[in-house]
Amino acid sequence: MVHIMSKRQFPVVIAACIGLIVLGASPIIFSWRPEPTAAFFRENPGWQTAGYFFLNVIIAGAVLAIARLDPERGTAKVIRYCGFALLAALLTDTHYFTVDASVSKMNWQMQQYNNILLHRDPPPDQYRFLPQGTLWWMILGTGDFAYSYFVYRLFFTFLLCLVIYTFARLYLAPRDAVIVVLFYALFYPLSTRYYNGNLLDPMSHAVILAAFTCCQRRRFGELFWLFVLGMFIKETILLVIPCYYLMNSETFAWRDFRVVWRLLLLAVAGAGAFLACRIPFHFHYDLQSLNRTHGLMVASNLGLSGAWIQGMVSICTPYSLSSCGCH
């Protein structure tokens, strides 16, 4: 999904998006058991070792396939891919010690995974099921939640690093684009310090940045399917619709029927995918089904006083300067 540099890769991006939607949604739609092979692998540890091996082979094969589709050539590309793989491993290790090592946070992740597979998780997390459905296939081959979880996070963190580089390359030289990825890595420990380790984050961020890259390159076919894919992960991808116009506003014109048609197509597809992820799972067309509260989340997300949801970390606002010790 991350390499949209040449026309010959156009079908690959679409196939990857459709494939991920089908695979990730299937365990949720058909209510498959959260850990379908756990008992089998407990009784057959030899097969579990083989499952670990084949999962690693599949992930390595996916990385090599992405590298082959990358039109850049030379030693620099090999070094960059190896460096991003190492960086993703270090970030996954950092995530483990800052988040996953906490028993309560790991239990929360396992509980969320099980509840989403069993259609018991409250909104809006029940509607953001594609990461859990993708993880299900890894657990199918290993019977091990923790191991599959770390492989999942490692792979999508690697993809995120690669997408950040690809997006930065639209504006910067290769060396400067790598520096952007390193800045992301420096910020990463802070960004994960106060959360429970939601599975959707690396996948959602990678898809959004890939969609922005398509916006800038005017690859509407890839953008459309990345947009649909993103709706099965988190509805934040809806921001891509205005961004598609704004990132090309210098050349787009409202009188251009093709531009209007594309914006409407994205809006209709977004609304359709939004409802498709919710209607089967007790969606009631109210704020409670949208965000589990009785009000909008704008104040909560901005850290304003009077918000429905209060975060773990104090945010300095004009209304709370005295309480948080800011001057």
C-alpha atoms as a PDB file:
ATOM      1  CA  MET A   1       0.000   0.000   0.000  1.00  0.00           C
ATOM      2  CA  VAL A   2       2.920   2.324   0.594  1.00  0.00           C
ATOM      3  CA  HIS A   3       4.595   2.420  -2.788  1.00  0.00           C
ATOM      4  CA  ILE A   4       2.587   4.387  -5.304  1.00  0.00           C
ATOM      5  CA  MET A   5       5.429   5.523  -7.460  1.00  0.00           C
ATOM      6  CA  SER A   6       4.564   3.936 -10.790  1.00  0.00           C
ATOM      7  CA  LYS A   7       1.533   2.803 -12.753  1.00  0.00           C
ATOM      8  CA  ARG A   8       2.580  -0.810 -12.791  1.00  0.00           C
ATOM      9  CA  GLN A   9       1.939  -0.978  -9.030  1.00  0.00           C
ATOM     10  CA  PHE A  10      -1.613   0.319  -9.338  1.00  0.00           C
ATOM     11  CA  PRO A  11      -3.324  -3.109  -9.241  1.00  0.00           C
ATOM     12  CA  VAL A  12      -1.110  -4.250  -6.344  1.00  0.00           C
ATOM     13  CA  VAL A  13      -2.309  -1.465  -4.067  1.00  0.00           C
ATOM     14  CA  ILE A  14      -5.960  -2.185  -4.840  1.00  0.00           C
ATOM     15  CA  ALA A  15      -5.504  -5.943  -4.391  1.00  0.00           C
ATOM     16  CA  ALA A  16      -3.751  -5.406  -1.050  1.00  0.00           C
ATOM     17  CA  CYS A  17      -6.565  -3.164   0.209  1.00  0.00           C
ATOM     18  CA  ILE A  18      -9.350  -5.521  -0.869  1.00  0.00           C
ATOM     19  CA  GLY A  19      -7.479  -8.534   0.477  1.00  0.00           C
ATOM     20  CA  LEU A  20      -6.931  -6.927   3.857  1.00  0.00           C
ATOM     21  CA  ILE A  21     -10.588  -5.894   4.078  1.00  0.00           C
ATOM     22  CA  VAL A  22     -11.803  -9.408   3.267  1.00  0.00           C
ATOM     23  CA  LEU A  23      -9.356 -11.189   5.561  1.00  0.00           C
ATOM     24  CA  GLY A  24      -9.721  -8.761   8.452  1.00  0.00           C
ATOM     25  CA  ALA A  25     -13.497  -8.533   8.334  1.00  0.00           C
ATOM     26  CA  SER A  26     -14.210 -12.258   7.891  1.00  0.00           C
ATOM     27  CA  PRO A  27     -13.507 -13.397  11.496  1.00  0.00           C
ATOM     28  CA  ILE A  28     -15.755 -10.626  12.842  1.00  0.00           C
ATOM     29  CA  ILE A  29     -18.612 -11.013  10.376  1.00  0.00           C
ATOM     30  CA  PHE A  30     -18.776 -14.798  10.754  1.00  0.00           C
ATOM     31  CA  SER A  31     -18.231 -14.732  14.541  1.00  0.00           C
ATOM     32  CA  TRP A  32     -15.251 -17.075  14.513  1.00  0.00           C
ATOM     33  CA  ARG A  33     -13.752 -18.050  17.867  1.00  0.00           C
ATOM     34  CA  PRO A  34     -11.103 -15.628  19.177  1.00  0.00           C
ATOM     35  CA  GLU A  35      -8.460 -18.344  19.665  1.00  0.00           C
ATOM     36  CA  PRO A  36      -9.422 -21.138  17.264  1.00  0.00           C
ATOM     37  CA  THR A  37      -6.221 -23.195  17.549  1.00  0.00           C
ATOM     38  CA  ALA A  38      -5.049 -22.536  21.123  1.00  0.00           C
ATOM     39  CA  ALA A  39      -6.050 -25.996  22.412  1.00  0.00           C
ATOM     40  CA  PHE A  40      -4.518 -27.768  19.402  1.00  0.00           C
ATOM     41  CA  PHE A  41      -1.139 -26.072  19.783  1.00  0.00           C
ATOM     42  CA  ARG A  42      -1.052 -26.680  23.546  1.00  0.00           C
ATOM     43  CA  GLU A  43      -1.296 -30.385  22.787  1.00  0.00           C
ATOM     44  CA  ASN A  44       1.120 -30.209  19.844  1.00  0.00           C
ATOM     45  CA  PRO A  45       4.015 -27.848  20.721  1.00  0.00           C
ATOM     46  CA  GLY A  46       6.004 -29.046  17.716  1.00  0.00           C
ATOM     47  CA  TRP A  47       3.352 -27.758  15.346  1.00  0.00           C
ATOM     48  CA  GLN A  48       3.300 -24.486  17.250  1.00  0.00           C
ATOM     49  CA  THR A  49       7.014 -24.040  16.596  1.00  0.00           C
ATOM     50  CA  ALA A  50       6.327 -24.619  12.922  1.00  0.00           C
ATOM     51  CA  GLY A  51       3.537 -22.027  13.138  1.00  0.00           C
ATOM     52  CA  TYR A  52       5.956 -19.455  14.545  1.00  0.00           C
ATOM     53  CA  PHE A  53       8.368 -20.197  11.731  1.00  0.00           C
ATOM     54  CA  PHE A  54       5.789 -19.891   8.951  1.00  0.00           C
ATOM     55  CA  LEU A  55       4.367 -16.681  10.387  1.00  0.00           C
ATOM     56  CA  ASN A  56       7.852 -15.175  10.342  1.00  0.00           C
ATOM     57  CA  VAL A  57       8.353 -16.400   6.782  1.00  0.00           C
ATOM     58  CA  ILE A  58       5.076 -14.798   5.660  1.00  0.00           C
ATOM     59  CA  ILE A  59       5.984 -11.456   7.253  1.00  0.00           C
ATOM     60  CA  ALA A  60       9.493 -11.561   5.776  1.00  0.00           C
ATOM     61  CA  GLY A  61       7.998 -12.439   2.381  1.00  0.00           C
ATOM     62  CA  ALA A  62       5.625  -9.468   2.605  1.00  0.00           C
ATOM     63  CA  VAL A  63       8.536  -7.136   3.381  1.00  0.00           C
ATOM     64  CA  LEU A  64      10.561  -8.519   0.458  1.00  0.00           C
ATOM     65  CA  ALA A  65       7.576  -8.171  -1.870  1.00  0.00           C
ATOM     66  CA  ILE A  66       7.155  -4.530  -0.866  1.00  0.00           C
ATOM     67  CA  ALA A  67      10.859  -3.960  -1.425  1.00  0.00           C
ATOM     68  CA  ARG A  68      10.674  -5.450  -4.913  1.00  0.00           C
ATOM     69  CA  LEU A  69       7.789  -3.147  -5.788  1.00  0.00           C
ATOM     70  CA  ASP A  70       9.805  -0.145  -4.675  1.00  0.00           C
ATOM     71  CA  PRO A  71      11.094   1.465  -7.890  1.00  0.00           C
ATOM     72  CA  GLU A  72      14.202   2.823  -6.200  1.00  0.00           C
ATOM     73  CA  ARG A  73      17.315   0.746  -6.722  1.00  0.00           C
ATOM     74  CA  GLY A  74      20.765   0.370  -5.268  1.00  0.00           C
ATOM     75  CA  THR A  75      22.522  -0.273  -1.989  1.00  0.00           C
ATOM     76  CA  ALA A  76      20.859   2.724  -0.360  1.00  0.00           C
ATOM     77  CA  LYS A  77      17.455   1.043  -0.636  1.00  0.00           C
ATOM     78  CA  VAL A  78      18.723  -2.152   0.999  1.00  0.00           C
ATOM     79  CA  ILE A  79      20.280  -0.175   3.844  1.00  0.00           C
ATOM     80  CA  ARG A  80      17.102   1.850   4.265  1.00  0.00           C
ATOM     81  CA  TYR A  81      14.852  -1.212   4.455  1.00  0.00           C
ATOM     82  CA  CYS A  82      17.147  -2.932   6.923  1.00  0.00           C
ATOM     83  CA  GLY A  83      17.305   0.261   8.953  1.00  0.00           C
ATOM     84  CA  PHE A  84      13.515   0.642   9.028  1.00  0.00           C
ATOM     85  CA  ALA A  85      13.137  -3.012  10.049  1.00  0.00           C
ATOM     86  CA  LEU A  86      15.617  -2.478  12.892  1.00  0.00           C
ATOM     87  CA  LEU A  87      13.906   0.754  13.892  1.00  0.00           C
ATOM     88  CA  ALA A  88      10.499  -0.953  13.917  1.00  0.00           C
ATOM     89  CA  ALA A  89      11.934  -3.688  16.140  1.00  0.00           C
ATOM     90  CA  LEU A  90      13.342  -1.097  18.548  1.00  0.00           C
ATOM     91  CA  LEU A  91      10.043   0.794  18.653  1.00  0.00           C
ATOM     92  CA  THR A  92       8.132  -2.443  19.254  1.00  0.00           C
ATOM     93  CA  ASP A  93      10.557  -3.230  22.070  1.00  0.00           C
ATOM     94  CA  THR A  94       9.996   0.257  23.491  1.00  0.00           C
ATOM     95  CA  HIS A  95       6.247  -0.283  23.249  1.00  0.00           C
ATOM     96  CA  TYR A  96       6.616  -3.524  25.159  1.00  0.00           C
ATOM     97  CA  PHE A  97       8.460  -1.968  28.091  1.00  0.00           C
ATOM     98  CA  THR A  98       6.310   1.171  28.283  1.00  0.00           C
ATOM     99  CA  VAL A  99       2.903  -0.408  27.583  1.00  0.00           C
ATOM    100  CA  ASP A 100       2.741  -4.178  27.153  1.00  0.00           C
ATOM    101  CA  ALA A 101       4.804  -5.018  30.249  1.00  0.00           C
ATOM    102  CA  SER A 102       1.921  -3.680  32.304  1.00  0.00           C
ATOM    103  CA  VAL A 103      -0.304  -6.639  33.132  1.00  0.00           C
ATOM    104  CA  SER A 104      -3.416  -4.457  33.255  1.00  0.00           C
ATOM    105  CA  LYS A 105      -2.745  -2.957  29.809  1.00  0.00           C
ATOM    106  CA  MET A 106      -1.961  -6.300  28.193  1.00  0.00           C
ATOM    107  CA  ASN A 107      -5.089  -7.781  29.767  1.00  0.00           C
ATOM    108  CA  TRP A 108      -7.066  -4.831  28.364  1.00  0.00           C
ATOM    109  CA  GLN A 109      -5.736  -5.563  24.877  1.00  0.00           C
ATOM    110  CA  MET A 110      -6.606  -9.247  25.150  1.00  0.00           C
ATOM    111  CA  GLN A 111     -10.053  -8.423  26.513  1.00  0.00           C
ATOM    112  CA  GLN A 112     -10.718  -5.954  23.710  1.00  0.00           C
ATOM    113  CA  TYR A 113      -9.629  -8.522  21.132  1.00  0.00           C
ATOM    114  CA  ASN A 114     -11.923 -11.190  22.580  1.00  0.00           C
ATOM    115  CA  ASN A 115     -14.866  -8.825  22.974  1.00  0.00           C
ATOM    116  CA  ILE A 116     -14.637  -7.557  19.400  1.00  0.00           C
ATOM    117  CA  LEU A 117     -14.533 -11.104  18.044  1.00  0.00           C
ATOM    118  CA  LEU A 118     -17.550 -11.960  20.216  1.00  0.00           C
ATOM    119  CA  HIS A 119     -19.408  -8.733  19.299  1.00  0.00           C
ATOM    120  CA  ARG A 120     -19.435  -7.596  22.929  1.00  0.00           C
ATOM    121  CA  ASP A 121     -17.170  -4.557  22.878  1.00  0.00           C
ATOM    122  CA  PRO A 122     -18.882  -1.200  23.433  1.00  0.00           C
ATOM    123  CA  PRO A 123     -18.859   1.497  20.752  1.00  0.00           C
ATOM    124  CA  PRO A 124     -16.912   2.846  19.038  1.00  0.00           C
ATOM    125  CA  ASP A 125     -14.231   0.147  19.382  1.00  0.00           C
ATOM    126  CA  GLN A 126     -16.577  -2.613  18.214  1.00  0.00           C
ATOM    127  CA  TYR A 127     -16.846  -0.837  14.856  1.00  0.00           C
ATOM    128  CA  ARG A 128     -13.060  -0.569  14.390  1.00  0.00           C
ATOM    129  CA  PHE A 129     -12.548  -4.292  14.051  1.00  0.00           C
ATOM    130  CA  LEU A 130     -10.132  -4.759  11.148  1.00  0.00           C
ATOM    131  CA  PRO A 131      -6.951  -4.862  13.305  1.00  0.00           C
ATOM    132  CA  GLN A 132      -8.427  -7.586  15.525  1.00  0.00           C
ATOM    133  CA  GLY A 133      -9.583  -9.516  12.468  1.00  0.00           C
ATOM    134  CA  THR A 134      -6.092  -9.301  10.977  1.00  0.00           C
ATOM    135  CA  LEU A 135      -4.530 -10.474  14.233  1.00  0.00           C
ATOM    136  CA  TRP A 136      -6.949 -13.423  14.239  1.00  0.00           C
ATOM    137  CA  TRP A 137      -5.214 -14.916  11.196  1.00  0.00           C
ATOM    138  CA  MET A 138      -1.835 -14.716  12.922  1.00  0.00           C
ATOM    139  CA  ILE A 139      -3.238 -16.415  16.001  1.00  0.00           C
ATOM    140  CA  LEU A 140      -4.769 -19.081  13.767  1.00  0.00           C
ATOM    141  CA  GLY A 141      -1.260 -20.191  12.759  1.00  0.00           C
ATOM    142  CA  THR A 142       0.373 -19.980  16.186  1.00  0.00           C
ATOM    143  CA  GLY A 143      -2.308 -20.276  18.884  1.00  0.00           C
ATOM    144  CA  ASP A 144      -0.328 -17.645  20.789  1.00  0.00           C
ATOM    145  CA  PHE A 145      -1.892 -14.207  21.338  1.00  0.00           C
ATOM    146  CA  ALA A 146       1.220 -12.510  22.741  1.00  0.00           C
ATOM    147  CA  TYR A 147       3.586 -13.699  20.003  1.00  0.00           C
ATOM    148  CA  SER A 148       1.138 -12.880  17.209  1.00  0.00           C
ATOM    149  CA  TYR A 149       0.455  -9.496  18.779  1.00  0.00           C
ATOM    150  CA  PHE A 150       4.147  -8.553  18.756  1.00  0.00           C
ATOM    151  CA  VAL A 151       4.590  -9.723  15.166  1.00  0.00           C
ATOM    152  CA  TYR A 152       1.519  -7.716  14.167  1.00  0.00           C
ATOM    153  CA  ARG A 153       2.818  -4.564  15.847  1.00  0.00           C
ATOM    154  CA  LEU A 154       6.312  -5.031  14.423  1.00  0.00           C
ATOM    155  CA  PHE A 155       5.049  -5.429  10.858  1.00  0.00           C
ATOM    156  CA  PHE A 156       2.686  -2.467  10.869  1.00  0.00           C
ATOM    157  CA  THR A 157       5.214  -0.265  12.660  1.00  0.00           C
ATOM    158  CA  PHE A 158       7.651  -1.125   9.866  1.00  0.00           C
ATOM    159  CA  LEU A 159       5.000  -0.197   7.287  1.00  0.00           C
ATOM    160  CA  LEU A 160       4.359   3.064   9.114  1.00  0.00           C
ATOM    161  CA  CYS A 161       8.067   3.976   9.020  1.00  0.00           C
ATOM    162  CA  LEU A 162       8.106   3.179   5.315  1.00  0.00           C
ATOM    163  CA  VAL A 163       5.002   5.276   4.630  1.00  0.00           C
ATOM    164  CA  ILE A 164       6.391   8.216   6.593  1.00  0.00           C
ATOM    165  CA  TYR A 165       9.516   8.054   4.422  1.00  0.00           C
ATOM    166  CA  THR A 166       7.457   7.775   1.221  1.00  0.00           C
ATOM    167  CA  PHE A 167       5.314  10.766   2.153  1.00  0.00           C
ATOM    168  CA  ALA A 168       8.350  12.830   3.158  1.00  0.00           C
ATOM    169  CA  ARG A 169      10.027  12.011  -0.163  1.00  0.00           C
ATOM    170  CA  LEU A 170       7.310  13.973  -1.941  1.00  0.00           C
ATOM    171  CA  TYR A 171       8.956  17.116  -0.605  1.00  0.00           C
ATOM    172  CA  LEU A 172      12.451  16.183   0.597  1.00  0.00           C
ATOM    173  CA  ALA A 173      15.649  14.508  -0.529  1.00  0.00           C
ATOM    174  CA  PRO A 174      16.212  10.882   0.601  1.00  0.00           C
ATOM    175  CA  ARG A 175      18.496  11.816   3.499  1.00  0.00           C
ATOM    176  CA  ASP A 176      16.088  14.438   4.837  1.00  0.00           C
ATOM    177  CA  ALA A 177      13.161  12.030   4.477  1.00  0.00           C
ATOM    178  CA  VAL A 178      15.016   9.496   6.635  1.00  0.00           C
ATOM    179  CA  ILE A 179      15.520  12.230   9.249  1.00  0.00           C
ATOM    180  CA  VAL A 180      11.741  12.719   9.339  1.00  0.00           C
ATOM    181  CA  VAL A 181      11.334   9.018  10.194  1.00  0.00           C
ATOM    182  CA  LEU A 182      13.930   9.388  12.953  1.00  0.00           C
ATOM    183  CA  PHE A 183      12.006  12.342  14.389  1.00  0.00           C
ATOM    184  CA  TYR A 184       8.944  10.105  14.502  1.00  0.00           C
ATOM    185  CA  ALA A 185      11.001   7.512  16.369  1.00  0.00           C
ATOM    186  CA  LEU A 186      12.159  10.115  18.898  1.00  0.00           C
ATOM    187  CA  PHE A 187       8.560  11.169  19.559  1.00  0.00           C
ATOM    188  CA  TYR A 188       7.254   7.598  19.716  1.00  0.00           C
ATOM    189  CA  PRO A 189       7.970   6.873  23.431  1.00  0.00           C
ATOM    190  CA  LEU A 190       6.040   9.982  24.460  1.00  0.00           C
ATOM    191  CA  SER A 191       3.116   9.177  22.164  1.00  0.00           C
ATOM    192  CA  THR A 192       2.693   5.724  23.735  1.00  0.00           C
ATOM    193  CA  ARG A 193       3.418   6.680  27.346  1.00  0.00           C
ATOM    194  CA  TYR A 194      -0.167   7.244  28.482  1.00  0.00           C
ATOM    195  CA  TYR A 195      -2.307   4.812  26.487  1.00  0.00           C
ATOM    196  CA  ASN A 196      -3.283   1.167  26.659  1.00  0.00           C
ATOM    197  CA  GLY A 197      -1.798  -0.020  23.365  1.00  0.00           C
ATOM    198  CA  ASN A 198      -4.725   0.024  20.944  1.00  0.00           C
ATOM    199  CA  LEU A 199      -4.127  -2.348  18.037  1.00  0.00           C
ATOM    200  CA  LEU A 200      -5.499   0.013  15.428  1.00  0.00           C
ATOM    201  CA  ASP A 201      -2.884   2.760  15.815  1.00  0.00           C
ATOM    202  CA  PRO A 202      -0.002   1.608  13.567  1.00  0.00           C
ATOM    203  CA  MET A 203      -2.348   0.260  10.901  1.00  0.00           C
ATOM    204  CA  SER A 204      -4.568   3.341  10.910  1.00  0.00           C
ATOM    205  CA  HIS A 205      -1.653   5.790  10.791  1.00  0.00           C
ATOM    206  CA  ALA A 206       0.012   3.908   7.941  1.00  0.00           C
ATOM    207  CA  VAL A 207      -3.178   3.880   5.859  1.00  0.00           C
ATOM    208  CA  ILE A 208      -3.873   7.581   6.459  1.00  0.00           C
ATOM    209  CA  LEU A 209      -0.363   8.622   5.425  1.00  0.00           C
ATOM    210  CA  ALA A 210      -0.503   6.349   2.380  1.00  0.00           C
ATOM    211  CA  ALA A 211      -3.794   8.019   1.433  1.00  0.00           C
ATOM    212  CA  PHE A 212      -2.209  11.469   1.812  1.00  0.00           C
ATOM    213  CA  THR A 213       0.583  10.343  -0.494  1.00  0.00           C
ATOM    214  CA  CYS A 214      -2.017   9.321  -3.060  1.00  0.00           C
ATOM    215  CA  CYS A 215      -3.733  12.695  -2.648  1.00  0.00           C
ATOM    216  CA  GLN A 216      -0.529  14.495  -3.485  1.00  0.00           C
ATOM    217  CA  ARG A 217       0.281  12.206  -6.414  1.00  0.00           C
ATOM    218  CA  ARG A 218      -3.319  12.311  -7.681  1.00  0.00           C
ATOM    219  CA  ARG A 219      -3.645   8.536  -7.744  1.00  0.00           C
ATOM    220  CA  PHE A 220      -7.378   8.445  -7.197  1.00  0.00           C
ATOM    221  CA  GLY A 221      -7.742   4.685  -7.668  1.00  0.00           C
ATOM    222  CA  GLU A 222      -5.320   3.876  -4.869  1.00  0.00           C
ATOM    223  CA  LEU A 223      -6.721   6.712  -2.757  1.00  0.00           C
ATOM    224  CA  PHE A 224     -10.266   5.370  -3.053  1.00  0.00           C
ATOM    225  CA  TRP A 225      -9.395   1.865  -1.872  1.00  0.00           C
ATOM    226  CA  LEU A 226      -7.083   3.099   0.875  1.00  0.00           C
ATOM    227  CA  PHE A 227      -9.958   5.301   1.996  1.00  0.00           C
ATOM    228  CA  VAL A 228     -12.387   2.365   2.096  1.00  0.00           C
ATOM    229  CA  LEU A 229      -9.790   0.258   3.901  1.00  0.00           C
ATOM    230  CA  GLY A 230      -9.297   3.031   6.451  1.00  0.00           C
ATOM    231  CA  MET A 231     -13.015   3.151   7.214  1.00  0.00           C
ATOM    232  CA  PHE A 232     -12.787  -0.448   8.475  1.00  0.00           C
ATOM    233  CA  ILE A 233      -9.994   0.600  10.835  1.00  0.00           C
ATOM    234  CA  LYS A 234     -11.036   4.015  12.157  1.00  0.00           C
ATOM    235  CA  GLU A 235     -13.411   6.662  10.869  1.00  0.00           C
ATOM    236  CA  THR A 236     -10.712   9.348  11.178  1.00  0.00           C
ATOM    237  CA  ILE A 237      -9.881   8.514   7.545  1.00  0.00           C
ATOM    238  CA  LEU A 238     -12.868  10.747   6.639  1.00  0.00           C
ATOM    239  CA  LEU A 239     -10.456  13.690   6.937  1.00  0.00           C
ATOM    240  CA  VAL A 240      -8.906  12.512   3.674  1.00  0.00           C
ATOM    241  CA  ILE A 241     -11.918  13.845   1.715  1.00  0.00           C
ATOM    242  CA  PRO A 242     -11.255  17.554   2.321  1.00  0.00           C
ATOM    243  CA  CYS A 243      -7.502  16.931   2.245  1.00  0.00           C
ATOM    244  CA  TYR A 244      -7.776  15.502  -1.267  1.00  0.00           C
ATOM    245  CA  TYR A 245      -9.211  18.791  -2.465  1.00  0.00           C
ATOM    246  CA  LEU A 246      -7.003  21.077  -0.354  1.00  0.00           C
ATOM    247  CA  MET A 247      -3.761  19.336  -1.346  1.00  0.00           C
ATOM    248  CA  ASN A 248      -4.624  19.942  -4.996  1.00  0.00           C
ATOM    249  CA  SER A 249      -6.550  23.198  -4.694  1.00  0.00           C
ATOM    250  CA  GLU A 250      -4.074  25.074  -6.902  1.00  0.00           C
ATOM    251  CA  THR A 251      -5.092  23.026  -9.921  1.00  0.00           C
ATOM    252  CA  PHE A 252      -8.581  21.812  -8.973  1.00  0.00           C
ATOM    253  CA  ALA A 253     -11.639  23.871  -9.816  1.00  0.00           C
ATOM    254  CA  TRP A 254     -15.188  23.411  -8.549  1.00  0.00           C
ATOM    255  CA  ARG A 255     -16.459  23.682 -12.100  1.00  0.00           C
ATOM    256  CA  ASP A 256     -14.461  20.591 -12.981  1.00  0.00           C
ATOM    257  CA  PHE A 257     -17.122  17.863 -12.948  1.00  0.00           C
ATOM    258  CA  ARG A 258     -14.513  15.159 -12.432  1.00  0.00           C
ATOM    259  CA  VAL A 259     -13.364  16.766  -9.165  1.00  0.00           C
ATOM    260  CA  VAL A 260     -16.905  17.066  -7.825  1.00  0.00           C
ATOM    261  CA  TRP A 261     -17.697  13.493  -8.851  1.00  0.00           C
ATOM    262  CA  ARG A 262     -14.608  12.162  -7.050  1.00  0.00           C
ATOM    263  CA  LEU A 263     -15.386  14.068  -3.856  1.00  0.00           C
ATOM    264  CA  LEU A 264     -18.966  12.803  -3.912  1.00  0.00           C
ATOM    265  CA  LEU A 265     -17.782   9.259  -4.595  1.00  0.00           C
ATOM    266  CA  LEU A 266     -15.480   9.387  -1.568  1.00  0.00           C
ATOM    267  CA  ALA A 267     -18.286  10.803   0.579  1.00  0.00           C
ATOM    268  CA  VAL A 268     -20.772   8.114  -0.500  1.00  0.00           C
ATOM    269  CA  ALA A 269     -18.209   5.322  -0.093  1.00  0.00           C
ATOM    270  CA  GLY A 270     -17.261   6.664   3.325  1.00  0.00           C
ATOM    271  CA  ALA A 271     -20.887   6.805   4.466  1.00  0.00           C
ATOM    272  CA  GLY A 272     -21.518   3.296   3.137  1.00  0.00           C
ATOM    273  CA  ALA A 273     -18.476   1.804   4.842  1.00  0.00           C
ATOM    274  CA  PHE A 274     -19.258   3.740   8.032  1.00  0.00           C
ATOM    275  CA  LEU A 275     -22.713   2.177   8.247  1.00  0.00           C
ATOM    276  CA  ALA A 276     -21.529  -1.253   7.091  1.00  0.00           C
ATOM    277  CA  CYS A 277     -19.149  -1.399  10.066  1.00  0.00           C
ATOM    278  CA  ARG A 278     -21.890  -0.415  12.516  1.00  0.00           C
ATOM    279  CA  ILE A 279     -25.366  -1.580  11.522  1.00  0.00           C
ATOM    280  CA  PRO A 280     -24.603  -5.301  12.161  1.00  0.00           C
ATOM    281  CA  PHE A 281     -23.360  -4.484  15.672  1.00  0.00           C
ATOM    282  CA  HIS A 282     -26.226  -2.730  17.479  1.00  0.00           C
ATOM    283  CA  PHE A 283     -25.778   0.762  16.044  1.00  0.00           C
ATOM    284  CA  HIS A 284     -28.557   3.121  17.243  1.00  0.00           C
ATOM    285  CA  TYR A 285     -27.831   6.345  15.334  1.00  0.00           C
ATOM    286  CA  ASP A 286     -27.063   8.332  18.495  1.00  0.00           C
ATOM    287  CA  LEU A 287     -24.012   9.748  20.250  1.00  0.00           C
ATOM    288  CA  GLN A 288     -23.870   6.763  22.590  1.00  0.00           C
ATOM    289  CA  SER A 289     -23.267   4.496  19.597  1.00  0.00           C
ATOM    290  CA  LEU A 290     -20.799   6.953  18.089  1.00  0.00           C
ATOM    291  CA  ASN A 291     -18.494   7.602  21.017  1.00  0.00           C
ATOM    292  CA  ARG A 292     -19.974   5.978  24.142  1.00  0.00           C
ATOM    293  CA  THR A 293     -20.951   9.348  25.639  1.00  0.00           C
ATOM    294  CA  HIS A 294     -23.958  11.682  25.581  1.00  0.00           C
ATOM    295  CA  GLY A 295     -22.099  14.540  23.913  1.00  0.00           C
ATOM    296  CA  LEU A 296     -19.519  15.420  21.305  1.00  0.00           C
ATOM    297  CA  MET A 297     -15.870  14.584  21.941  1.00  0.00           C
ATOM    298  CA  VAL A 298     -14.460  17.914  20.726  1.00  0.00           C
ATOM    299  CA  ALA A 299     -13.916  19.303  24.234  1.00  0.00           C
ATOM    300  CA  SER A 300     -12.446  16.007  25.421  1.00  0.00           C
ATOM    301  CA  ASN A 301     -10.000  15.761  22.536  1.00  0.00           C
ATOM    302  CA  LEU A 302      -8.871  19.369  23.064  1.00  0.00           C
ATOM    303  CA  GLY A 303      -8.550  18.969  26.836  1.00  0.00           C
ATOM    304  CA  LEU A 304     -11.122  21.643  27.624  1.00  0.00           C
ATOM    305  CA  SER A 305     -12.936  21.895  30.930  1.00  0.00           C
ATOM    306  CA  GLY A 306     -16.386  20.387  31.178  1.00  0.00           C
ATOM    307  CA  ALA A 307     -15.511  17.536  28.829  1.00  0.00           C
ATOM    308  CA  TRP A 308     -17.411  14.252  28.992  1.00  0.00           C
ATOM    309  CA  ILE A 309     -14.179  12.245  29.100  1.00  0.00           C
ATOM    310  CA  GLN A 310     -11.170  13.317  31.176  1.00  0.00           C
ATOM    311  CA  GLY A 311      -7.716  12.069  30.167  1.00  0.00           C
ATOM    312  CA  MET A 312      -5.002  10.640  32.386  1.00  0.00           C
ATOM    313  CA  VAL A 313      -2.652  13.549  31.663  1.00  0.00           C
ATOM    314  CA  SER A 314      -3.399  17.123  32.625  1.00  0.00           C
ATOM    315  CA  ILE A 315      -3.713  19.494  29.645  1.00  0.00           C
ATOM    316  CA  CYS A 316      -3.110  23.168  30.306  1.00  0.00           C
ATOM    317  CA  THR A 317      -6.046  25.292  29.163  1.00  0.00           C
ATOM    318  CA  PRO A 318      -7.192  28.823  30.049  1.00  0.00           C
ATOM    319  CA  TYR A 319      -9.685  27.180  32.415  1.00  0.00           C
ATOM    320  CA  SER A 320      -7.263  24.902  34.260  1.00  0.00           C
ATOM    321  CA  LEU A 321      -3.964  26.780  34.514  1.00  0.00           C
ATOM    322  CA  SER A 322      -4.102  26.964  38.281  1.00  0.00           C
ATOM    323  CA  SER A 323      -4.990  23.306  38.729  1.00  0.00           C
ATOM    324  CA  CYS A 324      -2.173  22.020  36.529  1.00  0.00           C
ATOM    325  CA  GLY A 325       0.481  24.346  37.941  1.00  0.00           C
ATOM    326  CA  CYS A 326       1.063  26.332  34.763  1.00  0.00           C
ATOM    327  CA  HIS A 327       1.791  30.051  34.792  1.00  0.00           C
END
